[in-house]
Amino acid sequence: SVKALAEIFDFVAGLMQRVPKKPNEMKADLQNSTAILVKENLKEKEYG
């Protein structure tokens, strides 16, 4: 759901603030988590 996505993005943003990383690593992490979220969301739509 959109609400769940927003909560997860808040969570990820919070983690990123706490864990200093190289910008390119952060970008990769964000892309990975976004890809996973999108896949989960699509599954929800298909089966939900």
Protein backbone atom coordinates (compact mmCIF):
# COMPACT_ATOMS: atom_id res chain seq x y z
CA SER A 1 0.00 0.00 0.00
CA VAL A 2 1.05 3.61 -0.41
CA LYS A 3 1.01 4.11 3.36
CA ALA A 4 3.31 1.14 3.87
CA LEU A 5 5.67 2.46 1.20
CA ALA A 6 5.78 5.87 2.88
CA GLU A 7 6.55 4.24 6.24
CA ILE A 8 9.35 2.17 4.74
CA PHE A 9 10.86 5.20 3.00
CA ASP A 10 10.77 7.10 6.31
CA PHE A 11 12.52 4.14 7.93
CA VAL A 12 15.17 3.96 5.18
CA ALA A 13 15.73 7.73 5.38
CA GLY A 14 16.21 7.41 9.14
CA LEU A 15 18.74 4.62 8.69
CA MET A 16 20.66 6.61 6.12
CA GLN A 17 20.94 9.56 8.49
CA ARG A 18 22.36 7.32 11.21
CA VAL A 19 24.77 5.33 9.06
CA PRO A 20 27.34 7.46 7.27
CA LYS A 21 28.08 5.94 3.88
CA LYS A 22 29.62 6.86 0.59
CA PRO A 23 27.03 8.53 -1.65
CA ASN A 24 27.26 5.84 -4.34
CA GLU A 25 26.69 3.09 -1.76
CA MET A 26 23.66 4.93 -0.41
CA LYS A 27 22.31 5.30 -3.93
CA ALA A 28 22.73 1.57 -4.56
CA ASP A 29 21.00 0.72 -1.27
CA LEU A 30 18.11 3.01 -2.10
CA GLN A 31 17.76 1.52 -5.58
CA ASN A 32 17.81 -2.01 -4.16
CA SER A 33 15.23 -1.30 -1.49
CA THR A 34 13.05 0.57 -3.97
CA ALA A 35 13.21 -2.35 -6.43
CA ILE A 36 12.25 -4.78 -3.66
CA LEU A 37 9.36 -2.55 -2.55
CA VAL A 38 8.06 -2.25 -6.09
CA LYS A 39 8.18 -6.02 -6.56
CA GLU A 40 6.36 -6.59 -3.25
CA ASN A 41 3.78 -4.00 -4.23
CA LEU A 42 3.18 -5.68 -7.59
CA LYS A 43 2.74 -9.05 -5.87
CA GLU A 44 0.19 -7.48 -3.54
CA LYS A 45 -1.78 -6.17 -6.51
CA GLU A 46 -1.66 -9.50 -8.35
CA TYR A 47 -2.64 -11.71 -5.42
CA GLY A 48 -4.35 -9.23 -3.10
